[in-house]
């Protein structure tokens, strides 16, 4: 579920895993593991992603999905 949301965010913004990792100040491998369902983000990481999405005008539907997690 979370991995799909990450993919939706990246697709909407037209950015790579590397770029998203840089924007969130985390490693590329962390983004990759989230997207592939190998790990789940911490509460802090989820909050950081949510703020990033709000600041970059990501679709409200995606933001709502993040808020539900």
PDB file of N, CA and C in Angstrom:
ATOM      1  N   UNK A   1       0.830  -1.205   0.000  1.00  0.00           N
ATOM      2  CA  UNK A   1       0.000   0.000   0.000  1.00  0.00           C
ATOM      3  C   UNK A   1       0.867   1.259   0.000  1.00  0.00           C
ATOM      4  N   UNK A   2       1.769   1.365   0.979  1.00  0.00           N
ATOM      5  CA  UNK A   2       2.601   2.564   1.054  1.00  0.00           C
ATOM      6  C   UNK A   2       3.469   2.698  -0.192  1.00  0.00           C
ATOM      7  N   UNK A   3       3.978   1.566  -0.681  1.00  0.00           N
ATOM      8  CA  UNK A   3       4.810   1.594  -1.885  1.00  0.00           C
ATOM      9  C   UNK A   3       4.078   2.176  -3.076  1.00  0.00           C
ATOM     10  N   UNK A   4       2.804   1.843  -3.195  1.00  0.00           N
ATOM     11  CA  UNK A   4       1.999   2.373  -4.303  1.00  0.00           C
ATOM     12  C   UNK A   4       1.825   3.882  -4.181  1.00  0.00           C
ATOM     13  N   UNK A   5       1.669   4.359  -2.956  1.00  0.00           N
ATOM     14  CA  UNK A   5       1.517   5.800  -2.744  1.00  0.00           C
ATOM     15  C   UNK A   5       2.804   6.524  -3.134  1.00  0.00           C
ATOM     16  N   UNK A   6       3.942   5.963  -2.755  1.00  0.00           N
ATOM     17  CA  UNK A   6       5.232   6.562  -3.136  1.00  0.00           C
ATOM     18  C   UNK A   6       5.330   6.659  -4.655  1.00  0.00           C
ATOM     19  N   UNK A   7       4.962   5.592  -5.333  1.00  0.00           N
ATOM     20  CA  UNK A   7       5.001   5.593  -6.799  1.00  0.00           C
ATOM     21  C   UNK A   7       4.075   6.656  -7.378  1.00  0.00           C
ATOM     22  N   UNK A   8       2.878   6.789  -6.791  1.00  0.00           N
ATOM     23  CA  UNK A   8       1.927   7.807  -7.261  1.00  0.00           C
ATOM     24  C   UNK A   8       2.505   9.210  -7.094  1.00  0.00           C
ATOM     25  N   UNK A   9       3.122   9.456  -5.952  1.00  0.00           N
ATOM     26  CA  UNK A   9       3.735  10.771  -5.694  1.00  0.00           C
ATOM     27  C   UNK A   9       4.812  11.042  -6.741  1.00  0.00           C
ATOM     28  N   UNK A  10       5.684  10.080  -6.936  1.00  0.00           N
ATOM     29  CA  UNK A  10       6.773  10.286  -7.898  1.00  0.00           C
ATOM     30  C   UNK A  10       6.244  10.490  -9.317  1.00  0.00           C
ATOM     31  N   UNK A  11       5.235   9.711  -9.688  1.00  0.00           N
ATOM     32  CA  UNK A  11       4.661   9.828 -11.033  1.00  0.00           C
ATOM     33  C   UNK A  11       4.039  11.208 -11.227  1.00  0.00           C
ATOM     34  N   UNK A  12       3.274  11.644 -10.238  1.00  0.00           N
ATOM     35  CA  UNK A  12       2.624  12.952 -10.355  1.00  0.00           C
ATOM     36  C   UNK A  12       3.642  14.082 -10.475  1.00  0.00           C
ATOM     37  N   UNK A  13       4.723  13.991  -9.703  1.00  0.00           N
ATOM     38  CA  UNK A  13       5.738  15.053  -9.718  1.00  0.00           C
ATOM     39  C   UNK A  13       6.786  14.854 -10.809  1.00  0.00           C
ATOM     40  N   UNK A  14       6.776  13.686 -11.438  1.00  0.00           N
ATOM     41  CA  UNK A  14       7.736  13.401 -12.500  1.00  0.00           C
ATOM     42  C   UNK A  14       9.167  13.339 -11.987  1.00  0.00           C
ATOM     43  N   UNK A  15       9.351  12.700 -10.817  1.00  0.00           N
ATOM     44  CA  UNK A  15      10.693  12.622 -10.242  1.00  0.00           C
ATOM     45  C   UNK A  15      11.105  11.166 -10.028  1.00  0.00           C
ATOM     46  N   UNK A  16      12.396  10.966  -9.945  1.00  0.00           N
ATOM     47  CA  UNK A  16      12.958   9.635  -9.731  1.00  0.00           C
ATOM     48  C   UNK A  16      12.994   9.301  -8.243  1.00  0.00           C
ATOM     49  N   UNK A  17      13.291   8.047  -7.966  1.00  0.00           N
ATOM     50  CA  UNK A  17      13.489   7.643  -6.573  1.00  0.00           C
ATOM     51  C   UNK A  17      14.645   8.434  -5.962  1.00  0.00           C
ATOM     52  N   UNK A  18      15.684   8.645  -6.747  1.00  0.00           N
ATOM     53  CA  UNK A  18      16.846   9.395  -6.267  1.00  0.00           C
ATOM     54  C   UNK A  18      16.475  10.819  -5.889  1.00  0.00           C
ATOM     55  N   UNK A  19      15.683  11.471  -6.732  1.00  0.00           N
ATOM     56  CA  UNK A  19      15.274  12.853  -6.472  1.00  0.00           C
ATOM     57  C   UNK A  19      14.387  12.926  -5.226  1.00  0.00           C
ATOM     58  N   UNK A  20      13.444  11.996  -5.088  1.00  0.00           N
ATOM     59  CA  UNK A  20      12.586  11.994  -3.909  1.00  0.00           C
ATOM     60  C   UNK A  20      13.416  11.756  -2.645  1.00  0.00           C
ATOM     61  N   UNK A  21      14.350  10.845  -2.725  1.00  0.00           N
ATOM     62  CA  UNK A  21      15.227  10.576  -1.580  1.00  0.00           C
ATOM     63  C   UNK A  21      15.979  11.840  -1.179  1.00  0.00           C
ATOM     64  N   UNK A  22      16.493  12.546  -2.174  1.00  0.00           N
ATOM     65  CA  UNK A  22      17.218  13.791  -1.901  1.00  0.00           C
ATOM     66  C   UNK A  22      16.296  14.817  -1.239  1.00  0.00           C
ATOM     67  N   UNK A  23      15.090  14.959  -1.760  1.00  0.00           N
ATOM     68  CA  UNK A  23      14.134  15.934  -1.225  1.00  0.00           C
ATOM     69  C   UNK A  23      13.747  15.622   0.223  1.00  0.00           C
ATOM     70  N   UNK A  24      13.682  14.327   0.554  1.00  0.00           N
ATOM     71  CA  UNK A  24      13.292  13.924   1.908  1.00  0.00           C
ATOM     72  C   UNK A  24      14.495  13.739   2.827  1.00  0.00           C
ATOM     73  N   UNK A  25      15.685  13.914   2.259  1.00  0.00           N
ATOM     74  CA  UNK A  25      16.933  13.761   3.005  1.00  0.00           C
ATOM     75  C   UNK A  25      17.080  12.349   3.586  1.00  0.00           C
ATOM     76  N   UNK A  26      16.777  11.374   2.723  1.00  0.00           N
ATOM     77  CA  UNK A  26      16.971   9.971   3.072  1.00  0.00           C
ATOM     78  C   UNK A  26      17.688   9.284   1.916  1.00  0.00           C
ATOM     79  N   UNK A  27      18.070   8.041   2.096  1.00  0.00           N
ATOM     80  CA  UNK A  27      18.824   7.349   1.048  1.00  0.00           C
ATOM     81  C   UNK A  27      17.902   6.820  -0.046  1.00  0.00           C
ATOM     82  N   UNK A  28      18.494   6.682  -1.229  1.00  0.00           N
ATOM     83  CA  UNK A  28      17.781   6.090  -2.354  1.00  0.00           C
ATOM     84  C   UNK A  28      17.307   4.687  -1.993  1.00  0.00           C
ATOM     85  N   UNK A  29      18.166   3.920  -1.319  1.00  0.00           N
ATOM     86  CA  UNK A  29      17.809   2.535  -0.991  1.00  0.00           C
ATOM     87  C   UNK A  29      16.582   2.481  -0.080  1.00  0.00           C
ATOM     88  N   UNK A  30      16.419   3.474   0.771  1.00  0.00           N
ATOM     89  CA  UNK A  30      15.242   3.515   1.640  1.00  0.00           C
ATOM     90  C   UNK A  30      13.978   3.696   0.808  1.00  0.00           C
ATOM     91  N   UNK A  31      14.004   4.636  -0.119  1.00  0.00           N
ATOM     92  CA  UNK A  31      12.848   4.845  -1.020  1.00  0.00           C
ATOM     93  C   UNK A  31      12.562   3.567  -1.793  1.00  0.00           C
ATOM     94  N   UNK A  32      13.610   2.953  -2.293  1.00  0.00           N
ATOM     95  CA  UNK A  32      13.458   1.731  -3.069  1.00  0.00           C
ATOM     96  C   UNK A  32      12.825   0.619  -2.234  1.00  0.00           C
ATOM     97  N   UNK A  33      13.266   0.457  -0.999  1.00  0.00           N
ATOM     98  CA  UNK A  33      12.698  -0.577  -0.123  1.00  0.00           C
ATOM     99  C   UNK A  33      11.233  -0.274   0.201  1.00  0.00           C
ATOM    100  N   UNK A  34      10.886   0.998   0.397  1.00  0.00           N
ATOM    101  CA  UNK A  34       9.490   1.370   0.637  1.00  0.00           C
ATOM    102  C   UNK A  34       8.628   1.009  -0.566  1.00  0.00           C
ATOM    103  N   UNK A  35       9.088   1.406  -1.739  1.00  0.00           N
ATOM    104  CA  UNK A  35       8.301   1.160  -2.953  1.00  0.00           C
ATOM    105  C   UNK A  35       8.103  -0.322  -3.215  1.00  0.00           C
ATOM    106  N   UNK A  36       9.098  -1.114  -2.894  1.00  0.00           N
ATOM    107  CA  UNK A  36       9.019  -2.547  -3.163  1.00  0.00           C
ATOM    108  C   UNK A  36       8.429  -3.339  -2.002  1.00  0.00           C
ATOM    109  N   UNK A  37       8.001  -2.634  -0.956  1.00  0.00           N
ATOM    110  CA  UNK A  37       7.340  -3.283   0.156  1.00  0.00           C
ATOM    111  C   UNK A  37       8.243  -4.060   1.092  1.00  0.00           C
ATOM    112  N   UNK A  38       9.544  -3.826   1.022  1.00  0.00           N
ATOM    113  CA  UNK A  38      10.492  -4.538   1.885  1.00  0.00           C
ATOM    114  C   UNK A  38      10.540  -3.952   3.293  1.00  0.00           C
ATOM    115  N   UNK A  39      10.292  -2.652   3.402  1.00  0.00           N
ATOM    116  CA  UNK A  39      10.263  -1.998   4.714  1.00  0.00           C
ATOM    117  C   UNK A  39       9.140  -0.967   4.727  1.00  0.00           C
ATOM    118  N   UNK A  40       8.813  -0.511   5.913  1.00  0.00           N
ATOM    119  CA  UNK A  40       7.816   0.545   6.073  1.00  0.00           C
ATOM    120  C   UNK A  40       8.478   1.755   6.708  1.00  0.00           C
ATOM    121  N   UNK A  41       8.027   2.936   6.359  1.00  0.00           N
ATOM    122  CA  UNK A  41       8.628   4.148   6.918  1.00  0.00           C
ATOM    123  C   UNK A  41       8.242   4.354   8.380  1.00  0.00           C
ATOM    124  N   UNK A  42       9.091   5.050   9.079  1.00  0.00           N
ATOM    125  CA  UNK A  42       8.789   5.444  10.453  1.00  0.00           C
ATOM    126  C   UNK A  42       7.700   6.508  10.436  1.00  0.00           C
ATOM    127  N   UNK A  43       7.186   6.803  11.601  1.00  0.00           N
ATOM    128  CA  UNK A  43       6.185   7.862  11.718  1.00  0.00           C
ATOM    129  C   UNK A  43       6.751   9.202  11.251  1.00  0.00           C
ATOM    130  N   UNK A  44       7.989   9.464  11.639  1.00  0.00           N
ATOM    131  CA  UNK A  44       8.649  10.703  11.229  1.00  0.00           C
ATOM    132  C   UNK A  44       8.794  10.774   9.711  1.00  0.00           C
ATOM    133  N   UNK A  45       9.190   9.682   9.106  1.00  0.00           N
ATOM    134  CA  UNK A  45       9.355   9.658   7.649  1.00  0.00           C
ATOM    135  C   UNK A  45       8.021   9.874   6.946  1.00  0.00           C
ATOM    136  N   UNK A  46       6.964   9.265   7.465  1.00  0.00           N
ATOM    137  CA  UNK A  46       5.633   9.470   6.877  1.00  0.00           C
ATOM    138  C   UNK A  46       5.231  10.935   6.973  1.00  0.00           C
ATOM    139  N   UNK A  47       5.493  11.541   8.127  1.00  0.00           N
ATOM    140  CA  UNK A  47       5.162  12.957   8.327  1.00  0.00           C
ATOM    141  C   UNK A  47       5.948  13.830   7.357  1.00  0.00           C
ATOM    142  N   UNK A  48       7.231  13.510   7.187  1.00  0.00           N
ATOM    143  CA  UNK A  48       8.080  14.279   6.273  1.00  0.00           C
ATOM    144  C   UNK A  48       7.569  14.156   4.837  1.00  0.00           C
ATOM    145  N   UNK A  49       7.173  12.948   4.442  1.00  0.00           N
ATOM    146  CA  UNK A  49       6.629  12.744   3.096  1.00  0.00           C
ATOM    147  C   UNK A  49       5.326  13.515   2.929  1.00  0.00           C
ATOM    148  N   UNK A  50       4.474  13.484   3.940  1.00  0.00           N
ATOM    149  CA  UNK A  50       3.204  14.206   3.879  1.00  0.00           C
ATOM    150  C   UNK A  50       3.436  15.703   3.705  1.00  0.00           C
ATOM    151  N   UNK A  51       4.344  16.260   4.477  1.00  0.00           N
ATOM    152  CA  UNK A  51       4.663  17.688   4.349  1.00  0.00           C
ATOM    153  C   UNK A  51       5.238  18.006   2.971  1.00  0.00           C
ATOM    154  N   UNK A  52       6.105  17.135   2.477  1.00  0.00           N
ATOM    155  CA  UNK A  52       6.675  17.323   1.144  1.00  0.00           C
ATOM    156  C   UNK A  52       5.558  17.369   0.107  1.00  0.00           C
ATOM    157  N   UNK A  53       4.612  16.445   0.212  1.00  0.00           N
ATOM    158  CA  UNK A  53       3.506  16.392  -0.749  1.00  0.00           C
ATOM    159  C   UNK A  53       2.647  17.647  -0.687  1.00  0.00           C
ATOM    160  N   UNK A  54       2.349  18.089   0.520  1.00  0.00           N
ATOM    161  CA  UNK A  54       1.547  19.308   0.674  1.00  0.00           C
ATOM    162  C   UNK A  54       2.278  20.519   0.102  1.00  0.00           C
ATOM    163  N   UNK A  55       3.571  20.613   0.345  1.00  0.00           N
ATOM    164  CA  UNK A  55       4.365  21.747  -0.144  1.00  0.00           C
ATOM    165  C   UNK A  55       4.542  21.741  -1.656  1.00  0.00           C
ATOM    166  N   UNK A  56       4.370  20.575  -2.276  1.00  0.00           N
ATOM    167  CA  UNK A  56       4.555  20.463  -3.720  1.00  0.00           C
ATOM    168  C   UNK A  56       3.243  20.255  -4.462  1.00  0.00           C
ATOM    169  N   UNK A  57       2.137  20.576  -3.782  1.00  0.00           N
ATOM    170  CA  UNK A  57       0.801  20.539  -4.397  1.00  0.00           C
ATOM    171  C   UNK A  57       0.456  19.206  -5.035  1.00  0.00           C
ATOM    172  N   UNK A  58       0.800  18.124  -4.342  1.00  0.00           N
ATOM    173  CA  UNK A  58       0.421  16.794  -4.811  1.00  0.00           C
ATOM    174  C   UNK A  58      -1.094  16.669  -4.684  1.00  0.00           C
ATOM    175  N   UNK A  59      -1.682  15.906  -5.557  1.00  0.00           N
ATOM    176  CA  UNK A  59      -3.121  15.683  -5.589  1.00  0.00           C
ATOM    177  C   UNK A  59      -3.660  15.360  -4.199  1.00  0.00           C
ATOM    178  N   UNK A  60      -4.759  15.973  -3.841  1.00  0.00           N
ATOM    179  CA  UNK A  60      -5.348  15.815  -2.507  1.00  0.00           C
ATOM    180  C   UNK A  60      -5.735  14.366  -2.221  1.00  0.00           C
ATOM    181  N   UNK A  61      -6.067  13.615  -3.248  1.00  0.00           N
ATOM    182  CA  UNK A  61      -6.412  12.199  -3.065  1.00  0.00           C
ATOM    183  C   UNK A  61      -5.214  11.428  -2.523  1.00  0.00           C
ATOM    184  N   UNK A  62      -4.035  11.702  -3.057  1.00  0.00           N
ATOM    185  CA  UNK A  62      -2.811  11.046  -2.590  1.00  0.00           C
ATOM    186  C   UNK A  62      -2.497  11.489  -1.158  1.00  0.00           C
ATOM    187  N   UNK A  63      -2.659  12.772  -0.897  1.00  0.00           N
ATOM    188  CA  UNK A  63      -2.409  13.292   0.451  1.00  0.00           C
ATOM    189  C   UNK A  63      -3.358  12.631   1.451  1.00  0.00           C
ATOM    190  N   UNK A  64      -4.605  12.465   1.070  1.00  0.00           N
ATOM    191  CA  UNK A  64      -5.579  11.812   1.939  1.00  0.00           C
ATOM    192  C   UNK A  64      -5.174  10.375   2.254  1.00  0.00           C
ATOM    193  N   UNK A  65      -4.674   9.670   1.253  1.00  0.00           N
ATOM    194  CA  UNK A  65      -4.207   8.293   1.465  1.00  0.00           C
ATOM    195  C   UNK A  65      -3.065   8.265   2.475  1.00  0.00           C
ATOM    196  N   UNK A  66      -2.159   9.228   2.355  1.00  0.00           N
ATOM    197  CA  UNK A  66      -1.038   9.305   3.290  1.00  0.00           C
ATOM    198  C   UNK A  66      -1.515   9.602   4.707  1.00  0.00           C
ATOM    199  N   UNK A  67      -2.468  10.479   4.820  1.00  0.00           N
ATOM    200  CA  UNK A  67      -2.982  10.855   6.137  1.00  0.00           C
ATOM    201  C   UNK A  67      -3.679   9.683   6.831  1.00  0.00           C
ATOM    202  N   UNK A  68      -4.226   8.774   6.054  1.00  0.00           N
ATOM    203  CA  UNK A  68      -4.925   7.616   6.614  1.00  0.00           C
ATOM    204  C   UNK A  68      -3.965   6.565   7.171  1.00  0.00           C
ATOM    205  N   UNK A  69      -2.720   6.585   6.714  1.00  0.00           N
ATOM    206  CA  UNK A  69      -1.754   5.569   7.165  1.00  0.00           C
ATOM    207  C   UNK A  69      -1.229   5.837   8.545  1.00  0.00           C
TER     208      UNK A  69
END
